Protein backbone atom coordinates (compact mmCIF):
# COMPACT_ATOMS: atom_id res chain seq x y z
CA MET A 1 -38.52 -59.76 -49.61
CA GLU A 2 -42.27 -59.46 -50.03
CA PRO A 3 -45.35 -60.42 -48.03
CA ALA A 4 -46.38 -64.04 -48.18
CA SER A 5 -49.13 -63.35 -50.72
CA ARG A 6 -46.47 -62.66 -53.34
CA PHE A 7 -44.26 -65.67 -52.81
CA ASN A 8 -46.12 -68.01 -55.15
CA ARG A 9 -45.91 -66.05 -58.37
CA THR A 10 -44.62 -67.72 -61.51
CA GLU A 11 -41.27 -66.34 -62.65
CA PRO A 12 -38.74 -67.44 -65.29
CA VAL A 13 -36.57 -70.19 -63.85
CA GLU A 14 -33.34 -68.75 -65.19
CA ALA A 15 -32.09 -65.25 -65.86
CA ALA A 16 -29.07 -66.74 -67.61
CA PRO A 17 -27.64 -70.24 -67.94
CA GLY A 18 -26.87 -71.37 -64.40
CA VAL A 19 -28.29 -68.18 -62.83
CA ALA A 20 -31.73 -68.39 -61.25
CA ARG A 21 -34.03 -65.41 -61.36
CA ILE A 22 -34.99 -64.58 -57.78
CA ASP A 23 -38.67 -64.08 -57.00
CA VAL A 24 -38.43 -60.69 -55.32
CA ASP A 25 -39.75 -57.18 -55.76
CA ALA A 26 -38.67 -53.95 -54.13
CA VAL A 27 -40.66 -53.37 -50.96
CA SER A 28 -39.47 -49.77 -50.72
CA SER A 29 -39.76 -48.82 -54.38
CA LYS A 30 -39.92 -45.14 -55.27
CA ALA A 31 -43.19 -45.60 -57.12
CA ALA A 32 -44.90 -47.33 -54.19
CA ARG A 33 -43.45 -45.15 -51.43
CA SER A 34 -46.00 -44.43 -48.73
CA TYR A 35 -45.68 -43.03 -45.24
CA TYR A 36 -48.82 -44.78 -44.03
CA ALA A 37 -48.42 -48.34 -45.32
CA ALA A 38 -47.99 -51.27 -42.94
CA ARG A 39 -44.50 -52.75 -42.82
CA GLN A 40 -43.85 -55.55 -45.30
CA PRO A 41 -41.31 -58.15 -44.13
CA ILE A 42 -37.92 -58.07 -45.81
CA TYR A 43 -35.82 -61.22 -46.10
CA PRO A 44 -32.35 -60.09 -47.21
CA LYS A 45 -30.32 -62.85 -48.83
CA ARG A 46 -26.79 -63.42 -47.60
CA ALA A 47 -24.22 -61.62 -49.76
CA GLU A 48 -20.60 -62.63 -50.31
CA GLY A 49 -17.85 -60.32 -51.46
CA THR A 50 -15.56 -57.43 -50.63
CA PHE A 51 -18.14 -55.07 -49.16
CA ARG A 52 -19.81 -57.79 -47.10
CA THR A 53 -16.39 -58.65 -45.66
CA VAL A 54 -15.77 -54.99 -44.84
CA LYS A 55 -19.11 -54.85 -43.06
CA TRP A 56 -18.23 -57.94 -40.99
CA VAL A 57 -14.92 -56.36 -39.99
CA VAL A 58 -16.55 -53.02 -39.11
CA MET A 59 -19.22 -54.84 -37.09
CA ALA A 60 -16.59 -56.78 -35.14
CA VAL A 61 -14.52 -53.67 -34.44
CA THR A 62 -17.40 -51.38 -33.44
CA LEU A 63 -19.16 -53.97 -31.28
CA GLY A 64 -15.84 -54.95 -29.75
CA ILE A 65 -15.14 -51.32 -28.81
CA TYR A 66 -18.63 -50.85 -27.39
CA TYR A 67 -18.70 -54.03 -25.30
CA LEU A 68 -15.07 -54.00 -24.10
CA LEU A 69 -14.27 -50.31 -23.60
CA PRO A 70 -15.77 -50.00 -20.06
CA TRP A 71 -13.55 -52.86 -18.86
CA ILE A 72 -10.25 -51.27 -19.91
CA ARG A 73 -8.33 -49.92 -16.90
CA TRP A 74 -6.24 -46.74 -16.66
CA ASN A 75 -4.16 -45.96 -13.58
CA ARG A 76 -4.69 -42.32 -12.61
CA GLY A 77 -3.30 -42.53 -9.10
CA PRO A 78 -4.82 -42.97 -5.66
CA GLY A 79 -8.34 -41.70 -5.08
CA LEU A 80 -9.21 -41.56 -8.78
CA PRO A 81 -11.24 -44.04 -10.90
CA ASP A 82 -9.17 -46.48 -12.92
CA GLN A 83 -11.73 -46.97 -15.71
CA ALA A 84 -10.26 -45.75 -18.99
CA PHE A 85 -13.55 -44.40 -20.38
CA LEU A 86 -15.93 -43.15 -17.68
CA LEU A 87 -18.75 -40.61 -17.78
CA ASP A 88 -18.64 -39.90 -14.05
CA PHE A 89 -21.72 -37.72 -13.67
CA ALA A 90 -21.86 -38.39 -9.93
CA HIS A 91 -18.55 -36.54 -9.48
CA GLN A 92 -19.11 -34.24 -12.47
CA ARG A 93 -16.17 -35.39 -14.55
CA LEU A 94 -15.55 -37.21 -17.82
CA PHE A 95 -12.52 -39.48 -18.18
CA PHE A 96 -11.08 -40.46 -21.57
CA GLY A 97 -7.80 -42.24 -20.88
CA PRO A 98 -5.35 -39.55 -19.75
CA ILE A 99 -7.88 -36.78 -20.46
CA GLU A 100 -10.06 -35.46 -17.66
CA ILE A 101 -12.86 -33.02 -18.50
CA TRP A 102 -14.72 -30.99 -15.90
CA PRO A 103 -18.19 -29.45 -16.32
CA GLN A 104 -16.52 -26.07 -16.86
CA GLU A 105 -14.76 -27.58 -19.88
CA LEU A 106 -17.72 -29.06 -21.73
CA TYR A 107 -16.83 -26.82 -24.64
CA PHE A 108 -14.35 -29.58 -25.53
CA ILE A 109 -17.28 -31.99 -25.95
CA THR A 110 -19.00 -29.34 -28.08
CA GLY A 111 -15.88 -29.12 -30.23
CA ILE A 112 -15.74 -32.89 -30.64
CA LEU A 113 -19.40 -32.96 -31.71
CA ILE A 114 -18.87 -30.12 -34.20
CA ALA A 115 -15.79 -31.81 -35.67
CA SER A 116 -17.68 -35.13 -35.87
CA ALA A 117 -20.61 -33.48 -37.65
CA LEU A 118 -18.27 -31.82 -40.14
CA GLY A 119 -16.50 -35.16 -40.65
CA LEU A 120 -19.86 -36.75 -41.40
CA PHE A 121 -20.61 -33.97 -43.90
CA LEU A 122 -17.22 -34.53 -45.55
CA VAL A 123 -17.68 -38.31 -45.83
CA THR A 124 -21.22 -37.85 -47.17
CA SER A 125 -20.10 -35.36 -49.80
CA LEU A 126 -17.37 -37.77 -50.90
CA ALA A 127 -19.06 -41.17 -50.70
CA GLY A 128 -22.71 -40.77 -49.74
CA ARG A 129 -24.20 -42.46 -46.68
CA MET A 130 -21.12 -44.52 -45.85
CA TRP A 131 -21.76 -43.84 -42.15
CA CYS A 132 -25.25 -45.32 -42.49
CA GLY A 133 -24.09 -48.37 -44.41
CA TYR A 134 -21.19 -49.38 -42.18
CA THR A 135 -20.92 -47.71 -38.76
CA CYS A 136 -24.35 -46.42 -37.73
CA PRO A 137 -25.40 -48.28 -34.53
CA GLN A 138 -28.78 -49.08 -36.08
CA THR A 139 -27.06 -50.71 -39.07
CA VAL A 140 -24.51 -52.59 -36.94
CA TRP A 141 -27.06 -54.05 -34.52
CA THR A 142 -29.53 -54.82 -37.32
CA ASP A 143 -26.79 -56.70 -39.17
CA LEU A 144 -26.11 -58.65 -36.00
CA MET A 145 -29.80 -59.46 -35.49
CA ILE A 146 -30.13 -60.61 -39.12
CA ALA A 147 -27.03 -62.81 -38.71
CA VAL A 148 -28.64 -64.41 -35.64
CA GLU A 149 -31.89 -64.89 -37.54
CA ARG A 150 -30.03 -66.49 -40.42
CA PHE A 151 -28.09 -68.76 -38.04
CA TRP A 152 -31.24 -70.23 -36.45
CA GLN A 153 -33.69 -70.08 -39.37
CA GLY A 154 -31.55 -70.32 -42.50
CA ASP A 155 -31.09 -67.96 -45.44
CA ARG A 156 -33.80 -66.07 -47.33
CA ASN A 157 -35.81 -68.95 -48.81
CA ALA A 158 -35.72 -70.96 -45.59
CA ARG A 159 -36.94 -67.98 -43.54
CA MET A 160 -39.79 -67.30 -45.96
CA ARG A 161 -40.87 -70.97 -45.87
CA LEU A 162 -40.71 -70.95 -42.08
CA ASP A 163 -42.89 -67.84 -41.82
CA LYS A 164 -45.47 -69.36 -44.21
CA SER A 165 -45.56 -72.72 -42.44
CA PRO A 166 -47.97 -73.58 -39.61
CA TRP A 167 -46.81 -73.47 -36.01
CA THR A 168 -45.01 -76.78 -35.67
CA PHE A 169 -42.39 -77.76 -33.07
CA GLU A 170 -39.64 -76.88 -35.55
CA LYS A 171 -41.02 -73.37 -36.11
CA ILE A 172 -41.55 -72.78 -32.39
CA TRP A 173 -38.04 -73.74 -31.32
CA LYS A 174 -36.37 -71.83 -34.17
CA LYS A 175 -38.36 -68.68 -33.43
CA ALA A 176 -37.79 -69.09 -29.69
CA ALA A 177 -34.04 -69.53 -30.20
CA THR A 178 -33.94 -66.45 -32.43
CA HIS A 179 -35.78 -64.22 -29.98
CA THR A 180 -33.88 -65.57 -26.98
CA THR A 181 -30.59 -64.69 -28.68
CA TRP A 182 -31.93 -61.27 -29.64
CA LEU A 183 -32.91 -60.62 -26.03
CA ALA A 184 -29.48 -61.77 -24.80
CA ILE A 185 -27.78 -59.37 -27.22
CA SER A 186 -30.15 -56.58 -26.22
CA LEU A 187 -29.58 -57.24 -22.52
CA ALA A 188 -25.82 -57.14 -23.04
CA THR A 189 -26.23 -53.88 -24.95
CA GLY A 190 -28.28 -52.27 -22.20
CA GLY A 191 -26.00 -53.64 -19.49
CA VAL A 192 -22.84 -52.35 -21.12
CA PHE A 193 -24.40 -48.92 -21.63
CA VAL A 194 -24.77 -48.31 -17.89
CA PHE A 195 -21.17 -49.42 -17.33
CA TYR A 196 -20.01 -46.24 -19.05
CA PHE A 197 -21.38 -44.19 -16.14
CA ARG A 198 -19.94 -46.11 -13.18
CA ASP A 199 -17.05 -48.45 -12.44
CA ALA A 200 -17.88 -51.49 -14.57
CA PRO A 201 -16.76 -54.36 -12.26
CA THR A 202 -18.43 -52.76 -9.24
CA LEU A 203 -21.68 -52.04 -11.06
CA ALA A 204 -21.76 -55.52 -12.64
CA ARG A 205 -21.56 -57.09 -9.19
CA GLU A 206 -24.26 -54.74 -7.86
CA LEU A 207 -26.55 -55.51 -10.80
CA LEU A 208 -26.25 -59.24 -10.13
CA THR A 209 -26.85 -58.89 -6.39
CA GLY A 210 -29.69 -56.37 -6.70
CA GLU A 211 -27.70 -53.61 -4.97
CA ALA A 212 -27.34 -51.29 -7.99
CA PRO A 213 -29.15 -47.93 -8.06
CA ILE A 214 -32.67 -48.11 -9.48
CA VAL A 215 -31.69 -45.73 -12.29
CA ALA A 216 -29.18 -48.34 -13.53
CA TYR A 217 -31.94 -50.95 -13.87
CA VAL A 218 -34.24 -48.42 -15.56
CA PHE A 219 -31.72 -47.45 -18.24
CA MET A 220 -30.61 -51.03 -18.68
CA ALA A 221 -34.22 -52.07 -19.32
CA LEU A 222 -34.76 -49.10 -21.64
CA PHE A 223 -31.77 -49.90 -23.84
CA THR A 224 -32.56 -53.61 -23.80
CA ALA A 225 -36.07 -52.90 -25.07
CA THR A 226 -35.00 -50.39 -27.73
CA THR A 227 -32.23 -52.66 -29.06
CA TYR A 228 -34.63 -55.61 -29.23
CA VAL A 229 -37.38 -53.65 -30.99
CA LEU A 230 -35.29 -51.47 -33.32
CA GLY A 231 -32.75 -54.14 -34.30
CA GLY A 232 -35.08 -57.13 -34.35
CA PHE A 233 -38.32 -55.71 -35.70
CA ALA A 234 -38.23 -52.07 -36.88
CA ARG A 235 -34.95 -52.36 -38.82
CA GLU A 236 -35.33 -50.44 -42.09
CA GLN A 237 -38.30 -48.51 -40.63
CA VAL A 238 -35.91 -46.65 -38.36
CA CYS A 239 -33.79 -45.52 -41.32
CA ILE A 240 -36.76 -44.56 -43.48
CA TYR A 241 -39.13 -42.94 -40.99
CA MET A 242 -37.34 -42.18 -37.72
CA CYS A 243 -33.88 -41.01 -38.75
CA PRO A 244 -33.62 -37.43 -40.07
CA TRP A 245 -30.37 -38.06 -41.93
CA PRO A 246 -31.92 -39.42 -45.17
CA ARG A 247 -33.72 -36.10 -45.56
CA ILE A 248 -30.65 -34.00 -44.70
CA GLN A 249 -28.10 -35.88 -46.77
CA ALA A 250 -29.20 -34.39 -50.09
CA ALA A 251 -27.79 -31.03 -49.00
CA MET A 252 -24.34 -32.65 -48.74
CA PHE A 253 -24.32 -34.14 -52.25
CA ASP A 254 -23.06 -32.52 -55.43
CA ALA A 255 -22.47 -33.75 -58.97
CA ASP A 256 -19.20 -35.46 -57.94
CA SER A 257 -20.45 -37.32 -54.87
CA LEU A 258 -19.85 -41.07 -55.14
CA LEU A 259 -22.98 -43.15 -54.57
CA VAL A 260 -23.75 -46.83 -54.99
CA SER A 261 -25.42 -46.73 -58.40
CA TYR A 262 -26.65 -48.84 -61.28
CA ARG A 263 -24.88 -47.94 -64.51
CA GLY A 264 -27.80 -47.76 -66.88
CA TYR A 265 -25.65 -47.17 -69.95
CA ARG A 266 -24.19 -50.64 -69.38
CA GLY A 267 -27.24 -52.47 -68.11
CA GLU A 268 -30.04 -51.33 -70.40
CA PRO A 269 -32.01 -52.74 -72.05
CA ARG A 270 -32.19 -55.44 -69.41
CA ALA A 271 -33.54 -58.93 -70.10
CA PRO A 272 -32.78 -62.58 -69.33
CA HIS A 273 -29.89 -63.97 -71.34
CA LYS A 274 -30.24 -67.29 -73.15
CA LYS A 275 -27.46 -69.70 -73.90
CA GLY A 276 -25.64 -68.78 -77.09
CA GLN A 277 -27.37 -65.39 -77.35
CA PRO A 278 -24.98 -62.55 -78.31
CA TRP A 279 -24.50 -59.57 -75.98
CA LEU A 280 -24.72 -57.05 -78.81
CA ASN A 281 -27.63 -54.57 -78.80
CA ARG A 282 -28.60 -55.41 -75.25
CA GLY A 283 -27.51 -54.52 -71.72
CA ASP A 284 -25.44 -56.54 -69.25
CA CYS A 285 -28.29 -56.68 -66.72
CA ILE A 286 -29.98 -60.08 -66.94
CA ASP A 287 -32.75 -59.01 -64.52
CA CYS A 288 -31.86 -61.73 -62.02
CA LYS A 289 -32.83 -59.43 -59.12
CA ALA A 290 -29.89 -60.58 -57.01
CA CYS A 291 -29.28 -56.92 -56.12
CA VAL A 292 -32.84 -56.62 -54.76
CA ALA A 293 -32.64 -59.88 -52.84
CA VAL A 294 -29.59 -58.87 -50.77
CA CYS A 295 -30.77 -55.33 -50.00
CA PRO A 296 -31.61 -54.92 -46.28
CA MET A 297 -33.73 -51.86 -47.12
CA GLY A 298 -35.83 -53.67 -49.72
CA ILE A 299 -35.08 -51.33 -52.63
CA ASP A 300 -34.15 -51.88 -56.28
CA ILE A 301 -30.91 -49.99 -56.89
CA ARG A 302 -31.78 -49.91 -60.59
CA ASP A 303 -34.51 -47.37 -59.85
CA GLY A 304 -31.84 -44.71 -59.31
CA ALA A 305 -30.89 -42.63 -56.27
CA GLN A 306 -33.33 -43.24 -53.43
CA MET A 307 -33.79 -41.85 -49.94
CA GLU A 308 -34.04 -45.39 -48.50
CA CYS A 309 -30.62 -46.52 -49.77
CA ILE A 310 -28.05 -46.68 -46.93
CA GLN A 311 -25.12 -47.27 -49.33
CA CYS A 312 -24.17 -50.61 -47.77
CA ALA A 313 -22.89 -51.76 -51.21
CA LEU A 314 -24.13 -55.35 -50.77
CA CYS A 315 -25.82 -55.02 -54.16
CA ILE A 316 -22.36 -54.45 -55.67
CA ASP A 317 -21.16 -57.78 -54.25
CA ALA A 318 -24.28 -59.58 -55.52
CA CYS A 319 -24.07 -58.08 -59.01
CA ASP A 320 -20.32 -58.62 -59.36
CA ASP A 321 -20.86 -62.30 -58.52
CA ILE A 322 -23.51 -62.60 -61.23
CA MET A 323 -21.37 -60.77 -63.80
CA GLY A 324 -18.58 -63.25 -63.12
CA LYS A 325 -20.95 -66.16 -63.73
CA VAL A 326 -22.19 -64.81 -67.08
CA GLY A 327 -18.76 -63.69 -68.25
CA ARG A 328 -19.38 -59.94 -68.24
CA PRO A 329 -17.19 -57.23 -66.69
CA LYS A 330 -17.82 -56.38 -63.05
CA GLY A 331 -18.99 -52.92 -62.06
CA LEU A 332 -22.52 -52.90 -63.46
CA ILE A 333 -23.43 -51.65 -59.98
CA ALA A 334 -20.64 -49.60 -58.44
CA TYR A 335 -19.76 -46.38 -56.67
CA GLU A 336 -20.56 -43.73 -59.25
CA THR A 337 -21.02 -39.96 -59.32
CA PHE A 338 -24.24 -38.15 -60.16
CA ARG A 339 -22.45 -36.70 -63.17
CA ASN A 340 -21.55 -40.13 -64.55
CA MET A 341 -24.96 -41.66 -63.83
CA GLU A 342 -26.23 -39.74 -66.83
CA ALA A 343 -23.40 -40.91 -69.10
CA ALA A 344 -24.48 -42.53 -72.35
CA SER A 345 -21.44 -44.81 -72.53
CA GLU A 346 -18.17 -45.64 -70.79
CA ALA A 347 -16.40 -43.08 -72.96
CA ASP A 348 -18.64 -40.29 -71.66
CA ARG A 349 -17.69 -40.84 -68.00
CA LYS A 350 -15.80 -38.02 -66.28
CA PRO A 351 -12.93 -38.53 -63.81
CA VAL A 352 -13.91 -38.47 -60.15
CA ARG A 353 -13.00 -35.18 -58.44
CA LEU A 354 -12.33 -35.67 -54.73
CA VAL A 355 -10.86 -32.20 -54.25
CA ARG A 356 -13.53 -29.57 -54.89
CA PRO A 357 -14.88 -26.49 -53.07
CA ARG A 358 -17.31 -28.43 -50.87
CA THR A 359 -14.76 -30.99 -49.64
CA VAL A 360 -12.08 -28.31 -49.20
CA LEU A 361 -14.48 -26.20 -47.10
CA TYR A 362 -15.38 -29.12 -44.82
CA SER A 363 -11.71 -30.08 -44.46
CA VAL A 364 -10.70 -26.52 -43.58
CA LEU A 365 -13.51 -26.21 -41.02
CA ILE A 366 -12.52 -29.52 -39.39
CA THR A 367 -8.90 -28.35 -39.22
CA VAL A 368 -9.92 -25.02 -37.68
CA VAL A 369 -12.13 -26.66 -35.04
CA LEU A 370 -9.43 -29.17 -34.11
CA ALA A 371 -6.80 -26.41 -33.99
CA ILE A 372 -8.98 -24.32 -31.66
CA MET A 373 -9.57 -27.33 -29.43
CA GLY A 374 -5.86 -28.14 -29.40
CA TRP A 375 -4.96 -24.57 -28.47
CA ALA A 376 -7.64 -24.51 -25.75
CA TRP A 377 -6.33 -27.77 -24.32
CA ILE A 378 -2.72 -26.58 -24.27
CA ALA A 379 -3.73 -23.26 -22.72
CA ARG A 380 -6.12 -24.75 -20.15
CA SER A 381 -5.37 -23.82 -16.57
CA PRO A 382 -5.23 -26.42 -13.78
CA VAL A 383 -7.09 -23.89 -11.63
CA GLU A 384 -10.29 -22.06 -12.46
CA ILE A 385 -12.09 -19.41 -10.45
CA SER A 386 -15.51 -17.85 -10.67
CA VAL A 387 -16.83 -14.81 -8.82
CA ILE A 388 -20.50 -14.36 -7.96
CA GLU A 389 -21.61 -10.95 -6.73
CA ASP A 390 -24.20 -10.62 -3.98
CA ARG A 391 -27.41 -9.31 -5.53
CA ASN A 392 -29.52 -8.62 -2.47
CA PRO A 393 -28.35 -6.19 -1.35
CA LEU A 394 -25.93 -4.93 -3.99
CA PHE A 395 -23.98 -3.05 -1.31
CA VAL A 396 -24.14 -2.23 2.40
CA ARG A 397 -23.54 1.19 3.95
CA LEU A 398 -21.45 0.83 7.09
CA SER A 399 -21.94 3.00 10.19
CA ASP A 400 -18.60 4.76 9.58
CA GLY A 401 -19.66 5.75 6.04
CA GLY A 402 -17.83 2.96 4.23
CA ILE A 403 -19.30 0.71 1.51
CA ARG A 404 -19.13 -3.07 1.60
CA ASN A 405 -19.81 -5.62 -1.18
CA GLY A 406 -20.13 -9.37 -0.77
CA TYR A 407 -18.85 -12.01 -3.21
CA THR A 408 -18.72 -15.79 -3.42
CA LEU A 409 -15.38 -16.94 -4.77
CA LYS A 410 -15.25 -20.50 -6.16
CA VAL A 411 -11.82 -22.07 -6.73
CA LEU A 412 -11.64 -25.27 -8.77
CA ASN A 413 -8.46 -27.28 -8.22
CA LYS A 414 -8.18 -29.63 -11.22
CA THR A 415 -4.85 -31.05 -10.07
CA HIS A 416 -4.54 -34.26 -8.09
CA GLN A 417 -2.75 -32.59 -5.14
CA ALA A 418 -4.02 -30.15 -2.51
CA GLN A 419 -3.03 -26.54 -3.25
CA ARG A 420 -2.85 -23.27 -1.32
CA PHE A 421 -3.85 -19.98 -2.91
CA ALA A 422 -3.45 -16.33 -2.04
CA VAL A 423 -6.36 -14.04 -2.86
CA ARG A 424 -6.23 -10.31 -3.49
CA ALA A 425 -8.46 -7.67 -5.04
CA ASP A 426 -7.07 -5.04 -7.45
CA GLY A 427 -8.69 -1.95 -8.90
CA ILE A 428 -9.56 0.10 -5.81
CA ALA A 429 -6.38 1.04 -3.99
CA ALA A 430 -7.77 1.51 -0.48
CA SER A 431 -10.14 -1.46 -0.48
CA GLU A 432 -9.94 -4.07 2.24
CA LEU A 433 -10.46 -7.80 1.65
CA ALA A 434 -11.78 -10.19 4.28
CA ILE A 435 -12.52 -13.92 3.93
CA VAL A 436 -15.27 -15.26 6.16
CA GLY A 437 -13.86 -17.71 8.70
CA HIS A 438 -10.31 -16.40 8.35
CA ASP A 439 -8.43 -14.14 10.69
CA ASN A 440 -8.14 -10.50 9.68
CA GLY A 441 -5.43 -10.11 7.09
CA ASP A 442 -5.36 -13.85 6.25
CA ALA A 443 -6.07 -13.99 2.52
CA GLU A 444 -4.94 -17.56 1.86
CA ILE A 445 -7.17 -20.55 1.24
CA ALA A 446 -6.47 -24.27 0.89
CA VAL A 447 -8.24 -26.34 -1.75
CA GLU A 448 -8.14 -30.13 -1.71
CA ALA A 449 -7.35 -32.13 -4.86
CA ASP A 450 -10.08 -32.45 -7.49
CA VAL A 451 -12.63 -30.32 -5.68
CA VAL A 452 -14.29 -26.91 -5.86
CA ARG A 453 -14.06 -24.75 -2.75
CA ALA A 454 -16.39 -21.78 -2.27
CA VAL A 455 -15.50 -18.98 0.17
CA LYS A 456 -17.36 -15.84 1.16
CA ILE A 457 -15.41 -12.62 0.62
CA TYR A 458 -16.23 -9.07 1.63
CA ILE A 459 -14.60 -6.04 -0.03
CA THR A 460 -14.86 -2.82 1.96
CA VAL A 461 -14.09 0.68 0.74
CA PRO A 462 -13.70 3.03 3.74
CA ALA A 463 -15.39 6.43 3.79
CA THR A 464 -12.05 8.16 3.24
CA ALA A 465 -11.57 6.30 -0.06
CA ARG A 466 -15.01 6.71 -1.58
CA ALA A 467 -13.61 9.33 -3.90
CA ASP A 468 -11.77 6.47 -5.67
CA LEU A 469 -15.08 5.01 -6.83
CA THR A 470 -15.86 5.92 -10.44
CA GLY A 471 -19.63 5.64 -10.15
CA VAL A 472 -22.30 3.18 -9.19
CA SER A 473 -20.10 0.40 -10.67
CA THR A 474 -16.33 0.44 -10.28
CA PRO A 475 -14.16 -2.20 -12.01
CA LEU A 476 -12.66 -4.74 -9.60
CA ARG A 477 -10.34 -7.66 -10.25
CA PHE A 478 -9.80 -10.78 -8.17
CA VAL A 479 -6.35 -12.35 -8.48
CA VAL A 480 -5.84 -15.90 -7.17
CA THR A 481 -2.19 -16.97 -6.95
CA ASN A 482 -1.02 -20.56 -6.59
CA LEU A 483 1.56 -20.34 -3.80
CA ALA A 484 3.41 -23.43 -5.05
CA THR A 485 3.83 -22.42 -8.69
CA GLY A 486 3.24 -18.66 -8.67
CA ASN A 487 0.64 -18.97 -11.46
CA GLU A 488 -2.16 -16.42 -11.33
CA VAL A 489 -5.79 -16.69 -12.38
CA ILE A 490 -7.71 -13.43 -12.82
CA ARG A 491 -11.43 -12.69 -12.91
CA ASP A 492 -12.97 -9.27 -13.49
CA THR A 493 -16.06 -8.14 -11.62
CA ALA A 494 -17.46 -4.85 -10.26
CA PHE A 495 -17.85 -3.03 -6.96
CA ARG A 496 -21.34 -1.59 -6.50
CA SER A 497 -21.94 1.66 -4.60
CA PRO A 498 -24.18 4.73 -4.52
CA GLY A 499 -21.36 6.65 -6.19
CA PRO A 500 -18.34 8.76 -5.15
C-alpha cells in the first residue's frame, strides 16, 4: 500500500507463529496528512469475512437496481410511457411506478431529499459513515474496479510486483485487460444513466444506429469518463479531497456514536507474539498490519478516529481472522462508541445507547416530513390552475366608462382523460367574464388529458358598478369547476382599477 520505493524494506517475517507480518504502512496517516502531496498507490488486500460479504451483497443489489431499473415496464395506459422509472424532462413529468409528478409538484422531490438527508444524519449519528462504506456510488464502483483489477492482476502482492516489473508482454496484456474492462463498465454506467431520461429500448436502438440526440452522447461520454477516472484512478482521493461529507460528519457524531475502532485497552502494548510466550502484561495486537493491508483508504485504524476512514469495516474482518489464528477473542477492532474508546478495560465499557436526544430528534423530523408529504399526496388535486394578471396595462378604461382587466388562466389536467371545466369569477357582483375565442356567455373550456391549456380571459366592470370596487385593487376569485365531478379549484387574484 506504499510507493515502490518502500516495498523492499526488511520486516520481521512473522508477527505470530503462522501469521506473517505484512510490509505495509498507512498512506493516509494522520501524522503525514497533506493536502498537496502526490497520490501514493494503494494496493488493498482482499478481505474475507462478514463485512466483506455484506459489501458484496450491497454491491450486487445497488448495481443491479441501477443497471436494470430503466428496463422495468409499467403499464399506465394508452398514450403514456411504460417505463417504470422515467425522468421525462421532454414532457415535464417524472414517473416512479404508479406515481406521476408534474413540475408544479416538485415539492415532493424536495421532501424526498430532505427526508433522505435526515435519514443520512440519523444513520451517521448511530453508526458513523455507514453510507460511505457500503452504499455510496463512489465506494460501490471503486469496489467493482478493484475487483476487476484483482481478477486480471492478482491480489496485493501480485499487483505490486506487476507495477514494479518492466513492460513485458504479460504486464501489457494484464494492464490492457484491466483498463478495457474498466472502460466497458464505465460505458455501461454512462449508457444506463441516459436511459433514465428516455424510453430505454428506444434510446438503446438509437444510440447503436447513431440516431440518438447529441445530448445523449454527450452525457453518456461524460459519465463514462467520470466513472473511469474516479473509480479506476482517483478512488480514495475523491473521498478525502472532493467529497464534503468527511468534513460535515463530525457534527453528526456524539459520545454514543458507533464507529469502527481499535480497542486500545485490549491491544496495547502491541508487539509480535512468539511461540510459547504468555499473553499476560501485553496487548492482543501482534502488529501484523493486516488491518492496514485491507484498508481501501490506506489508513491505520489503530491511529484512532480519522477523517479518511469510510467505516467499511474490512479491518474488522482482517483482525478477527488474525485473532482466530492466534487464539485470542475477536473484537480487537469493532464498532465502538467514542465513550468506550477511552475505556481502560472491558469492565469500564458503557452500554450502547441507541435512543438519545439526537437520534430521537432526527427520527421525529423524518416522521414529520414523511407525514407532510403523505398528507400533500392524499390532498393533491387532479386539476391545478394558475392565474397571471396582465401587467401592461394593469387596466383599460372603456369608452362607456367601464374598467377591463386581462388575465391568462392556465388549467393543468393531470388526469388521463379529457375534461371540461366551467369558469367563473367571484368577488365583484356585476363583473362580466369573457373568454377569448368563445362566444359571449360561453364560460366552458375543454382540456385534453395530461396537458396544460392556457386561455385569455377578460373581466369587465361596467361604469354602473364601479362603486363596488374597494380601491385600486379589489379582491377577485377565479373558480374552475370540473363538469364531470363537480370538484372546484379556486385561485385568488385582484382586479386593478383607478378606484371607485
